[in-house]
Amino acid sequence: MHHLRAALAALTSTALLLAAAGAVAATVYRWVDENGQVHYGEVVPEQYRRTAKPVEMWASPPSAEQQREAQERAQKEKARAAALAAEQDRRQPAAGAAPAASQPAGKRPAQVPNDQTDCDTWQRLYAESIECFGPYRTARGATKPEGFEVCNVVPEPPPTRCRLRIP
């Protein structure tokens, strides 16, 4: 009889805890205002109630709609990158008109390394490239497309030839 009372008490307390947790947990919504600012909250202003979407609080795979939106964004970014590359190719001088290590004037660093570049020069160009791209980095670490219009990409010096020296 004592075990039955203990089990009933445990079951009752568990039910009360779950009920209390359900009462405390509220649905959080996400909406975008007319300025493009994203907002989150439990109470959605009247003018955004049609577009507000509930936010799942548990980690879950993206919905089909989120996947579709991400694929559309990726396609737009690829098209934009292709257009930038085509524009850069258009600006490049004809083949043989300039040395392979030269790049259009105005970009930093002014040259990119090749197989004959010594380690000190390669590391200097690499550091200059990283510094040039710095202002074009987003909070998440991505690079804004306009950075590629101003900066040349310099790969890290090959570890088989050069030891990376950290200043």
C-alpha atoms as a PDB file:
ATOM      1  CA  MET A   1       0.000   0.000   0.000  1.00  0.00           C
ATOM      2  CA  HIS A   2       2.890   2.319   0.828  1.00  0.00           C
ATOM      3  CA  HIS A   3       4.410   1.756  -2.665  1.00  0.00           C
ATOM      4  CA  LEU A   4       1.091   2.603  -4.263  1.00  0.00           C
ATOM      5  CA  ARG A   5       0.885   5.924  -2.373  1.00  0.00           C
ATOM      6  CA  ALA A   6       4.489   6.785  -3.302  1.00  0.00           C
ATOM      7  CA  ALA A   7       3.837   5.994  -6.971  1.00  0.00           C
ATOM      8  CA  LEU A   8       0.618   8.037  -6.942  1.00  0.00           C
ATOM      9  CA  ALA A   9       2.411  10.965  -5.295  1.00  0.00           C
ATOM     10  CA  ALA A  10       5.225  10.807  -7.866  1.00  0.00           C
ATOM     11  CA  LEU A  11       2.713  10.634 -10.718  1.00  0.00           C
ATOM     12  CA  THR A  12       0.764  13.592  -9.329  1.00  0.00           C
ATOM     13  CA  SER A  13       3.870  15.726  -8.851  1.00  0.00           C
ATOM     14  CA  THR A  14       5.059  14.890 -12.386  1.00  0.00           C
ATOM     15  CA  ALA A  15       1.666  15.849 -13.810  1.00  0.00           C
ATOM     16  CA  LEU A  16       1.738  19.149 -11.886  1.00  0.00           C
ATOM     17  CA  LEU A  17       5.276  19.922 -13.124  1.00  0.00           C
ATOM     18  CA  LEU A  18       4.293  19.238 -16.728  1.00  0.00           C
ATOM     19  CA  ALA A  19       1.192  21.401 -16.408  1.00  0.00           C
ATOM     20  CA  ALA A  20       3.243  24.223 -14.903  1.00  0.00           C
ATOM     21  CA  ALA A  21       5.876  23.940 -17.639  1.00  0.00           C
ATOM     22  CA  GLY A  22       3.160  24.083 -20.282  1.00  0.00           C
ATOM     23  CA  ALA A  23       1.666  27.173 -18.695  1.00  0.00           C
ATOM     24  CA  VAL A  24       5.053  28.913 -18.567  1.00  0.00           C
ATOM     25  CA  ALA A  25       6.167  27.991 -22.095  1.00  0.00           C
ATOM     26  CA  ALA A  26       4.776  30.377 -24.675  1.00  0.00           C
ATOM     27  CA  THR A  27       4.957  30.342 -28.438  1.00  0.00           C
ATOM     28  CA  VAL A  28       7.612  32.645 -29.846  1.00  0.00           C
ATOM     29  CA  TYR A  29       6.938  34.223 -33.233  1.00  0.00           C
ATOM     30  CA  ARG A  30       9.234  35.669 -35.890  1.00  0.00           C
ATOM     31  CA  TRP A  31       8.217  38.520 -38.208  1.00  0.00           C
ATOM     32  CA  VAL A  32       9.859  41.117 -40.426  1.00  0.00           C
ATOM     33  CA  ASP A  33       8.803  44.769 -40.244  1.00  0.00           C
ATOM     34  CA  GLU A  34       8.490  47.220 -43.150  1.00  0.00           C
ATOM     35  CA  ASN A  35      12.186  48.171 -42.781  1.00  0.00           C
ATOM     36  CA  GLY A  36      13.316  44.570 -43.175  1.00  0.00           C
ATOM     37  CA  GLN A  37      14.187  44.247 -39.474  1.00  0.00           C
ATOM     38  CA  VAL A  38      13.590  40.750 -38.042  1.00  0.00           C
ATOM     39  CA  HIS A  39      11.714  40.601 -34.716  1.00  0.00           C
ATOM     40  CA  TYR A  40      10.992  37.791 -32.255  1.00  0.00           C
ATOM     41  CA  GLY A  41       8.382  37.841 -29.528  1.00  0.00           C
ATOM     42  CA  GLU A  42       5.428  36.228 -27.844  1.00  0.00           C
ATOM     43  CA  VAL A  43       3.108  39.082 -28.833  1.00  0.00           C
ATOM     44  CA  VAL A  44       2.934  40.035 -32.512  1.00  0.00           C
ATOM     45  CA  PRO A  45       1.755  43.529 -33.512  1.00  0.00           C
ATOM     46  CA  GLU A  46      -1.547  43.492 -35.387  1.00  0.00           C
ATOM     47  CA  GLN A  47      -0.104  44.521 -38.777  1.00  0.00           C
ATOM     48  CA  TYR A  48       2.353  41.566 -38.763  1.00  0.00           C
ATOM     49  CA  ARG A  49       0.060  38.767 -37.570  1.00  0.00           C
ATOM     50  CA  ARG A  50      -0.567  37.450 -41.090  1.00  0.00           C
ATOM     51  CA  THR A  51       3.137  37.069 -41.850  1.00  0.00           C
ATOM     52  CA  ALA A  52       4.421  36.058 -38.382  1.00  0.00           C
ATOM     53  CA  LYS A  53       5.579  32.460 -38.112  1.00  0.00           C
ATOM     54  CA  PRO A  54       6.002  30.433 -34.919  1.00  0.00           C
ATOM     55  CA  VAL A  55       9.609  29.606 -34.076  1.00  0.00           C
ATOM     56  CA  GLU A  56      10.371  26.082 -32.966  1.00  0.00           C
ATOM     57  CA  MET A  57      12.435  26.114 -29.836  1.00  0.00           C
ATOM     58  CA  TRP A  58      13.949  22.667 -30.431  1.00  0.00           C
ATOM     59  CA  ALA A  59      16.638  21.945 -32.966  1.00  0.00           C
ATOM     60  CA  SER A  60      15.003  20.405 -36.003  1.00  0.00           C
ATOM     61  CA  PRO A  61      15.784  20.075 -39.677  1.00  0.00           C
ATOM     62  CA  PRO A  62      14.610  22.973 -41.852  1.00  0.00           C
ATOM     63  CA  SER A  63      11.130  22.772 -43.318  1.00  0.00           C
ATOM     64  CA  ALA A  64      10.572  22.230 -47.039  1.00  0.00           C
ATOM     65  CA  GLU A  65       9.790  25.941 -47.409  1.00  0.00           C
ATOM     66  CA  GLN A  66      12.993  26.940 -45.581  1.00  0.00           C
ATOM     67  CA  GLN A  67      15.002  24.578 -47.779  1.00  0.00           C
ATOM     68  CA  ARG A  68      13.396  26.035 -50.917  1.00  0.00           C
ATOM     69  CA  GLU A  69      14.132  29.604 -49.750  1.00  0.00           C
ATOM     70  CA  ALA A  70      17.750  28.673 -48.972  1.00  0.00           C
ATOM     71  CA  GLN A  71      18.169  27.078 -52.411  1.00  0.00           C
ATOM     72  CA  GLU A  72      16.748  30.198 -54.079  1.00  0.00           C
ATOM     73  CA  ARG A  73      19.147  32.413 -52.104  1.00  0.00           C
ATOM     74  CA  ALA A  74      22.054  30.130 -53.048  1.00  0.00           C
ATOM     75  CA  GLN A  75      21.115  30.278 -56.742  1.00  0.00           C
ATOM     76  CA  LYS A  76      20.936  34.089 -56.598  1.00  0.00           C
ATOM     77  CA  GLU A  77      24.347  34.234 -54.882  1.00  0.00           C
ATOM     78  CA  LYS A  78      25.852  31.872 -57.476  1.00  0.00           C
ATOM     79  CA  ALA A  79      24.458  33.991 -60.304  1.00  0.00           C
ATOM     80  CA  ARG A  80      25.824  37.129 -58.657  1.00  0.00           C
ATOM     81  CA  ALA A  81      29.246  35.507 -58.186  1.00  0.00           C
ATOM     82  CA  ALA A  82      29.245  34.351 -61.817  1.00  0.00           C
ATOM     83  CA  ALA A  83      28.397  37.884 -62.965  1.00  0.00           C
ATOM     84  CA  LEU A  84      31.232  39.295 -60.839  1.00  0.00           C
ATOM     85  CA  ALA A  85      33.651  36.708 -62.241  1.00  0.00           C
ATOM     86  CA  ALA A  86      32.554  37.513 -65.794  1.00  0.00           C
ATOM     87  CA  GLU A  87      33.056  41.215 -65.099  1.00  0.00           C
ATOM     88  CA  GLN A  88      36.509  40.528 -63.683  1.00  0.00           C
ATOM     89  CA  ASP A  89      37.394  38.401 -66.735  1.00  0.00           C
ATOM     90  CA  ARG A  90      36.194  41.224 -68.976  1.00  0.00           C
ATOM     91  CA  ARG A  91      38.494  43.657 -67.152  1.00  0.00           C
ATOM     92  CA  GLN A  92      41.522  41.334 -67.433  1.00  0.00           C
ATOM     93  CA  PRO A  93      43.952  42.213 -70.232  1.00  0.00           C
ATOM     94  CA  ALA A  94      44.243  39.843 -73.171  1.00  0.00           C
ATOM     95  CA  ALA A  95      46.316  36.701 -72.669  1.00  0.00           C
ATOM     96  CA  GLY A  96      50.023  37.413 -72.910  1.00  0.00           C
ATOM     97  CA  ALA A  97      49.554  41.157 -72.421  1.00  0.00           C
ATOM     98  CA  ALA A  98      50.600  41.061 -68.754  1.00  0.00           C
ATOM     99  CA  PRO A  99      52.610  38.691 -66.566  1.00  0.00           C
ATOM    100  CA  ALA A 100      50.640  35.939 -64.801  1.00  0.00           C
ATOM    101  CA  ALA A 101      51.458  37.359 -61.370  1.00  0.00           C
ATOM    102  CA  SER A 102      49.991  40.783 -62.210  1.00  0.00           C
ATOM    103  CA  GLN A 103      46.418  41.752 -61.440  1.00  0.00           C
ATOM    104  CA  PRO A 104      44.335  44.773 -62.442  1.00  0.00           C
ATOM    105  CA  ALA A 105      45.567  47.997 -60.857  1.00  0.00           C
ATOM    106  CA  GLY A 106      43.799  49.093 -57.726  1.00  0.00           C
ATOM    107  CA  LYS A 107      43.379  45.688 -56.130  1.00  0.00           C
ATOM    108  CA  ARG A 108      45.296  44.740 -53.012  1.00  0.00           C
ATOM    109  CA  PRO A 109      47.713  43.107 -52.896  1.00  0.00           C
ATOM    110  CA  ALA A 110      48.919  44.328 -56.280  1.00  0.00           C
ATOM    111  CA  GLN A 111      50.188  40.865 -57.225  1.00  0.00           C
ATOM    112  CA  VAL A 112      49.455  37.266 -56.356  1.00  0.00           C
ATOM    113  CA  PRO A 113      52.141  34.663 -55.718  1.00  0.00           C
ATOM    114  CA  ASN A 114      53.140  31.956 -58.182  1.00  0.00           C
ATOM    115  CA  ASP A 115      55.484  28.962 -58.064  1.00  0.00           C
ATOM    116  CA  GLN A 116      58.570  31.193 -58.181  1.00  0.00           C
ATOM    117  CA  THR A 117      57.511  33.497 -55.301  1.00  0.00           C
ATOM    118  CA  ASP A 118      59.782  33.302 -52.271  1.00  0.00           C
ATOM    119  CA  CYS A 119      58.278  32.478 -48.850  1.00  0.00           C
ATOM    120  CA  ASP A 120      58.725  35.930 -47.286  1.00  0.00           C
ATOM    121  CA  THR A 121      56.976  37.638 -50.211  1.00  0.00           C
ATOM    122  CA  TRP A 122      54.196  35.026 -50.257  1.00  0.00           C
ATOM    123  CA  GLN A 123      53.544  35.474 -46.545  1.00  0.00           C
ATOM    124  CA  ARG A 124      53.521  39.270 -46.915  1.00  0.00           C
ATOM    125  CA  LEU A 125      51.020  39.044 -49.790  1.00  0.00           C
ATOM    126  CA  TYR A 126      48.896  36.567 -47.811  1.00  0.00           C
ATOM    127  CA  ALA A 127      48.787  38.885 -44.773  1.00  0.00           C
ATOM    128  CA  GLU A 128      47.963  41.875 -47.007  1.00  0.00           C
ATOM    129  CA  SER A 129      45.118  39.948 -48.635  1.00  0.00           C
ATOM    130  CA  ILE A 130      43.638  38.978 -45.258  1.00  0.00           C
ATOM    131  CA  GLU A 131      43.915  42.581 -44.079  1.00  0.00           C
ATOM    132  CA  CYS A 132      42.264  43.847 -47.280  1.00  0.00           C
ATOM    133  CA  PHE A 133      39.293  41.470 -46.924  1.00  0.00           C
ATOM    134  CA  GLY A 134      38.832  42.332 -43.210  1.00  0.00           C
ATOM    135  CA  PRO A 135      36.322  45.181 -43.678  1.00  0.00           C
ATOM    136  CA  TYR A 136      34.274  43.013 -46.064  1.00  0.00           C
ATOM    137  CA  ARG A 137      33.679  40.184 -43.561  1.00  0.00           C
ATOM    138  CA  THR A 138      30.207  39.696 -42.123  1.00  0.00           C
ATOM    139  CA  ALA A 139      29.426  38.823 -38.509  1.00  0.00           C
ATOM    140  CA  ARG A 140      29.155  35.162 -39.516  1.00  0.00           C
ATOM    141  CA  GLY A 141      32.548  35.136 -41.239  1.00  0.00           C
ATOM    142  CA  ALA A 142      31.360  35.286 -44.851  1.00  0.00           C
ATOM    143  CA  THR A 143      32.897  37.692 -47.337  1.00  0.00           C
ATOM    144  CA  LYS A 144      30.788  40.365 -48.998  1.00  0.00           C
ATOM    145  CA  PRO A 145      30.969  40.219 -52.836  1.00  0.00           C
ATOM    146  CA  GLU A 146      32.302  43.781 -53.124  1.00  0.00           C
ATOM    147  CA  GLY A 147      35.437  42.660 -51.273  1.00  0.00           C
ATOM    148  CA  PHE A 148      36.461  40.673 -54.355  1.00  0.00           C
ATOM    149  CA  GLU A 149      36.303  43.860 -56.428  1.00  0.00           C
ATOM    150  CA  VAL A 150      38.904  45.491 -54.170  1.00  0.00           C
ATOM    151  CA  CYS A 151      41.041  42.619 -52.902  1.00  0.00           C
ATOM    152  CA  ASN A 152      42.964  39.798 -54.556  1.00  0.00           C
ATOM    153  CA  VAL A 153      42.650  36.341 -53.045  1.00  0.00           C
ATOM    154  CA  VAL A 154      46.057  35.079 -51.973  1.00  0.00           C
ATOM    155  CA  PRO A 155      46.141  31.441 -50.869  1.00  0.00           C
ATOM    156  CA  GLU A 156      47.985  30.471 -47.718  1.00  0.00           C
ATOM    157  CA  PRO A 157      51.667  29.737 -48.385  1.00  0.00           C
ATOM    158  CA  PRO A 158      52.147  26.029 -49.094  1.00  0.00           C
ATOM    159  CA  PRO A 159      53.283  24.277 -45.910  1.00  0.00           C
ATOM    160  CA  THR A 160      55.497  21.964 -47.960  1.00  0.00           C
ATOM    161  CA  ARG A 161      57.611  24.972 -49.000  1.00  0.00           C
ATOM    162  CA  CYS A 162      57.057  27.651 -46.394  1.00  0.00           C
ATOM    163  CA  ARG A 163      56.567  27.625 -42.663  1.00  0.00           C
ATOM    164  CA  LEU A 164      53.807  30.019 -41.683  1.00  0.00           C
ATOM    165  CA  ARG A 165      55.140  32.662 -39.341  1.00  0.00           C
ATOM    166  CA  ILE A 166      52.576  34.268 -37.114  1.00  0.00           C
ATOM    167  CA  PRO A 167      53.489  37.899 -36.383  1.00  0.00           C
END
